[in-house]
Amino acid sequence: MGALHMNTAAMNYGSRESYFDGKLIEYIGWCLAGWLVTVCTFGICYPWSVVMLYRWKVEHTVVEGQRLRFDGTAVSLFGQWIKWFLLTLITLGIYGFWVVIKLEQWRTKHTHFQ
């Protein structure tokens, strides 16, 4: 019986899939909501929009059978956003090239297996 259990476990491990289960209509809805919030607040709530859309993407992603989760908040991103904005101003736009990388590092830091 032990060998049967081991074979079953090995088979389950081999069948662990990676997939995305989000729906197009949900994506459109989240994009519209993010756009609306950004426009209505003259861009101040753009970090909220980024977090909202990224959370939706991450929480609909499964990697090798494990669903991902995202624990970043709009408040923490807003703080980073202000810092990045000021650094970009001080460096006359040069730091702006690093903002894309910094945003990706922030996203990755807050993305985990559930």
C-alpha atoms as a PDB file:
ATOM      1  CA  MET A   1       0.000   0.000   0.000  1.00  0.00           C
ATOM      2  CA  GLY A   2       2.909   2.331   0.669  1.00  0.00           C
ATOM      3  CA  ALA A   3       4.153   1.940  -2.922  1.00  0.00           C
ATOM      4  CA  LEU A   4       0.680   2.744  -4.257  1.00  0.00           C
ATOM      5  CA  HIS A   5       0.559   5.929  -2.161  1.00  0.00           C
ATOM      6  CA  MET A   6       4.025   6.967  -3.375  1.00  0.00           C
ATOM      7  CA  ASN A   7       3.083   6.425  -7.037  1.00  0.00           C
ATOM      8  CA  THR A   8      -0.092   8.473  -6.602  1.00  0.00           C
ATOM      9  CA  ALA A   9       1.870  11.293  -5.001  1.00  0.00           C
ATOM     10  CA  ALA A  10       4.396  11.208  -7.825  1.00  0.00           C
ATOM     11  CA  MET A  11       1.607  11.279 -10.413  1.00  0.00           C
ATOM     12  CA  ASN A  12      -0.047  14.276  -8.702  1.00  0.00           C
ATOM     13  CA  TYR A  13       3.249  16.125  -8.596  1.00  0.00           C
ATOM     14  CA  GLY A  14       3.770  15.542 -12.303  1.00  0.00           C
ATOM     15  CA  SER A  15       0.309  16.889 -13.134  1.00  0.00           C
ATOM     16  CA  ARG A  16       0.676  20.164 -11.258  1.00  0.00           C
ATOM     17  CA  GLU A  17      -0.317  22.779 -13.779  1.00  0.00           C
ATOM     18  CA  SER A  18       0.262  26.477 -14.158  1.00  0.00           C
ATOM     19  CA  TYR A  19      -2.631  28.523 -15.480  1.00  0.00           C
ATOM     20  CA  PHE A  20      -4.500  31.808 -15.346  1.00  0.00           C
ATOM     21  CA  ASP A  21      -8.245  31.638 -14.622  1.00  0.00           C
ATOM     22  CA  GLY A  22      -9.275  35.294 -14.931  1.00  0.00           C
ATOM     23  CA  LYS A  23     -12.097  36.251 -17.296  1.00  0.00           C
ATOM     24  CA  LEU A  24     -12.033  38.973 -19.948  1.00  0.00           C
ATOM     25  CA  ILE A  25     -15.156  40.716 -18.639  1.00  0.00           C
ATOM     26  CA  GLU A  26     -13.606  40.910 -15.151  1.00  0.00           C
ATOM     27  CA  TYR A  27     -10.413  42.349 -16.601  1.00  0.00           C
ATOM     28  CA  ILE A  28     -12.330  44.986 -18.550  1.00  0.00           C
ATOM     29  CA  GLY A  29     -14.309  45.885 -15.416  1.00  0.00           C
ATOM     30  CA  TRP A  30     -11.178  46.265 -13.270  1.00  0.00           C
ATOM     31  CA  CYS A  31      -9.451  48.327 -15.976  1.00  0.00           C
ATOM     32  CA  LEU A  32     -12.460  50.638 -16.267  1.00  0.00           C
ATOM     33  CA  ALA A  33     -12.688  51.001 -12.479  1.00  0.00           C
ATOM     34  CA  GLY A  34      -8.978  51.814 -12.273  1.00  0.00           C
ATOM     35  CA  TRP A  35      -9.232  54.319 -15.090  1.00  0.00           C
ATOM     36  CA  LEU A  36     -12.267  55.969 -13.525  1.00  0.00           C
ATOM     37  CA  VAL A  37     -10.619  56.278 -10.104  1.00  0.00           C
ATOM     38  CA  THR A  38      -7.440  57.674 -11.657  1.00  0.00           C
ATOM     39  CA  VAL A  39      -9.281  60.243 -13.778  1.00  0.00           C
ATOM     40  CA  CYS A  40     -11.653  61.327 -10.996  1.00  0.00           C
ATOM     41  CA  THR A  41      -8.742  61.932  -8.592  1.00  0.00           C
ATOM     42  CA  PHE A  42      -6.542  63.620 -11.225  1.00  0.00           C
ATOM     43  CA  GLY A  43      -3.995  60.797 -10.951  1.00  0.00           C
ATOM     44  CA  ILE A  44      -3.560  60.898  -7.190  1.00  0.00           C
ATOM     45  CA  CYS A  45      -5.112  57.431  -6.774  1.00  0.00           C
ATOM     46  CA  TYR A  46      -3.181  55.874  -9.653  1.00  0.00           C
ATOM     47  CA  PRO A  47      -1.237  53.652  -7.205  1.00  0.00           C
ATOM     48  CA  TRP A  48      -4.588  52.296  -5.975  1.00  0.00           C
ATOM     49  CA  SER A  49      -5.492  51.463  -9.562  1.00  0.00           C
ATOM     50  CA  VAL A  50      -2.157  49.692 -10.103  1.00  0.00           C
ATOM     51  CA  VAL A  51      -2.561  47.640  -6.913  1.00  0.00           C
ATOM     52  CA  MET A  52      -6.173  46.762  -7.682  1.00  0.00           C
ATOM     53  CA  LEU A  53      -5.396  45.475 -11.177  1.00  0.00           C
ATOM     54  CA  TYR A  54      -2.208  43.676 -10.153  1.00  0.00           C
ATOM     55  CA  ARG A  55      -3.997  41.956  -7.243  1.00  0.00           C
ATOM     56  CA  TRP A  56      -6.656  40.689  -9.662  1.00  0.00           C
ATOM     57  CA  LYS A  57      -3.987  39.298 -12.021  1.00  0.00           C
ATOM     58  CA  VAL A  58      -1.973  37.628  -9.265  1.00  0.00           C
ATOM     59  CA  GLU A  59      -4.948  36.091  -7.477  1.00  0.00           C
ATOM     60  CA  HIS A  60      -6.096  34.467 -10.721  1.00  0.00           C
ATOM     61  CA  THR A  61      -2.675  32.915 -11.345  1.00  0.00           C
ATOM     62  CA  VAL A  62      -1.747  29.351 -10.363  1.00  0.00           C
ATOM     63  CA  VAL A  63       1.883  28.210 -10.673  1.00  0.00           C
ATOM     64  CA  GLU A  64       2.568  24.474 -10.476  1.00  0.00           C
ATOM     65  CA  GLY A  65      -0.692  23.895  -8.629  1.00  0.00           C
ATOM     66  CA  GLN A  66      -0.210  26.721  -6.114  1.00  0.00           C
ATOM     67  CA  ARG A  67      -2.309  29.865  -6.295  1.00  0.00           C
ATOM     68  CA  LEU A  68      -0.485  33.158  -5.854  1.00  0.00           C
ATOM     69  CA  ARG A  69      -1.540  35.950  -3.524  1.00  0.00           C
ATOM     70  CA  PHE A  70      -0.636  39.609  -3.399  1.00  0.00           C
ATOM     71  CA  ASP A  71      -0.296  41.523  -0.115  1.00  0.00           C
ATOM     72  CA  GLY A  72       0.776  44.934  -1.398  1.00  0.00           C
ATOM     73  CA  THR A  73      -1.342  47.949  -0.487  1.00  0.00           C
ATOM     74  CA  ALA A  74      -2.083  51.186  -2.277  1.00  0.00           C
ATOM     75  CA  VAL A  75      -0.785  53.138   0.727  1.00  0.00           C
ATOM     76  CA  SER A  76       2.634  51.463   0.605  1.00  0.00           C
ATOM     77  CA  LEU A  77       2.835  51.920  -3.170  1.00  0.00           C
ATOM     78  CA  PHE A  78       1.779  55.559  -2.811  1.00  0.00           C
ATOM     79  CA  GLY A  79       4.728  56.142  -0.463  1.00  0.00           C
ATOM     80  CA  GLN A  80       7.081  54.560  -2.989  1.00  0.00           C
ATOM     81  CA  TRP A  81       5.451  56.544  -5.798  1.00  0.00           C
ATOM     82  CA  ILE A  82       6.127  59.850  -3.994  1.00  0.00           C
ATOM     83  CA  LYS A  83       9.760  58.860  -3.373  1.00  0.00           C
ATOM     84  CA  TRP A  84      10.242  57.808  -7.006  1.00  0.00           C
ATOM     85  CA  PHE A  85       8.594  60.994  -8.245  1.00  0.00           C
ATOM     86  CA  LEU A  86      10.856  63.187  -6.131  1.00  0.00           C
ATOM     87  CA  LEU A  87      13.976  61.273  -7.197  1.00  0.00           C
ATOM     88  CA  THR A  88      12.918  61.655 -10.830  1.00  0.00           C
ATOM     89  CA  LEU A  89      12.486  65.416 -10.359  1.00  0.00           C
ATOM     90  CA  ILE A  90      15.819  65.804  -8.551  1.00  0.00           C
ATOM     91  CA  THR A  91      17.694  63.867 -11.244  1.00  0.00           C
ATOM     92  CA  LEU A  92      15.945  65.782 -14.047  1.00  0.00           C
ATOM     93  CA  GLY A  93      14.125  62.665 -15.234  1.00  0.00           C
ATOM     94  CA  ILE A  94      17.033  60.226 -15.213  1.00  0.00           C
ATOM     95  CA  TYR A  95      15.701  58.210 -12.268  1.00  0.00           C
ATOM     96  CA  GLY A  96      12.508  57.642 -14.264  1.00  0.00           C
ATOM     97  CA  PHE A  97      14.320  54.880 -16.150  1.00  0.00           C
ATOM     98  CA  TRP A  98      14.644  52.954 -12.866  1.00  0.00           C
ATOM     99  CA  VAL A  99      11.015  53.409 -11.820  1.00  0.00           C
ATOM    100  CA  VAL A 100       9.862  50.513 -14.025  1.00  0.00           C
ATOM    101  CA  ILE A 101      12.386  48.211 -12.335  1.00  0.00           C
ATOM    102  CA  LYS A 102      11.547  49.527  -8.855  1.00  0.00           C
ATOM    103  CA  LEU A 103       7.823  48.938  -9.471  1.00  0.00           C
ATOM    104  CA  GLU A 104       8.507  45.370 -10.601  1.00  0.00           C
ATOM    105  CA  GLN A 105      10.690  44.775  -7.517  1.00  0.00           C
ATOM    106  CA  TRP A 106       7.884  46.124  -5.297  1.00  0.00           C
ATOM    107  CA  ARG A 107       5.320  43.864  -7.006  1.00  0.00           C
ATOM    108  CA  THR A 108       7.540  40.807  -6.682  1.00  0.00           C
ATOM    109  CA  LYS A 109       8.260  41.524  -3.007  1.00  0.00           C
ATOM    110  CA  HIS A 110       4.517  41.437  -2.294  1.00  0.00           C
ATOM    111  CA  THR A 111       3.670  38.343  -4.370  1.00  0.00           C
ATOM    112  CA  HIS A 112       3.627  34.992  -2.548  1.00  0.00           C
ATOM    113  CA  PHE A 113       2.290  31.463  -2.801  1.00  0.00           C
ATOM    114  CA  GLN A 114      -0.974  31.068  -0.946  1.00  0.00           C
END
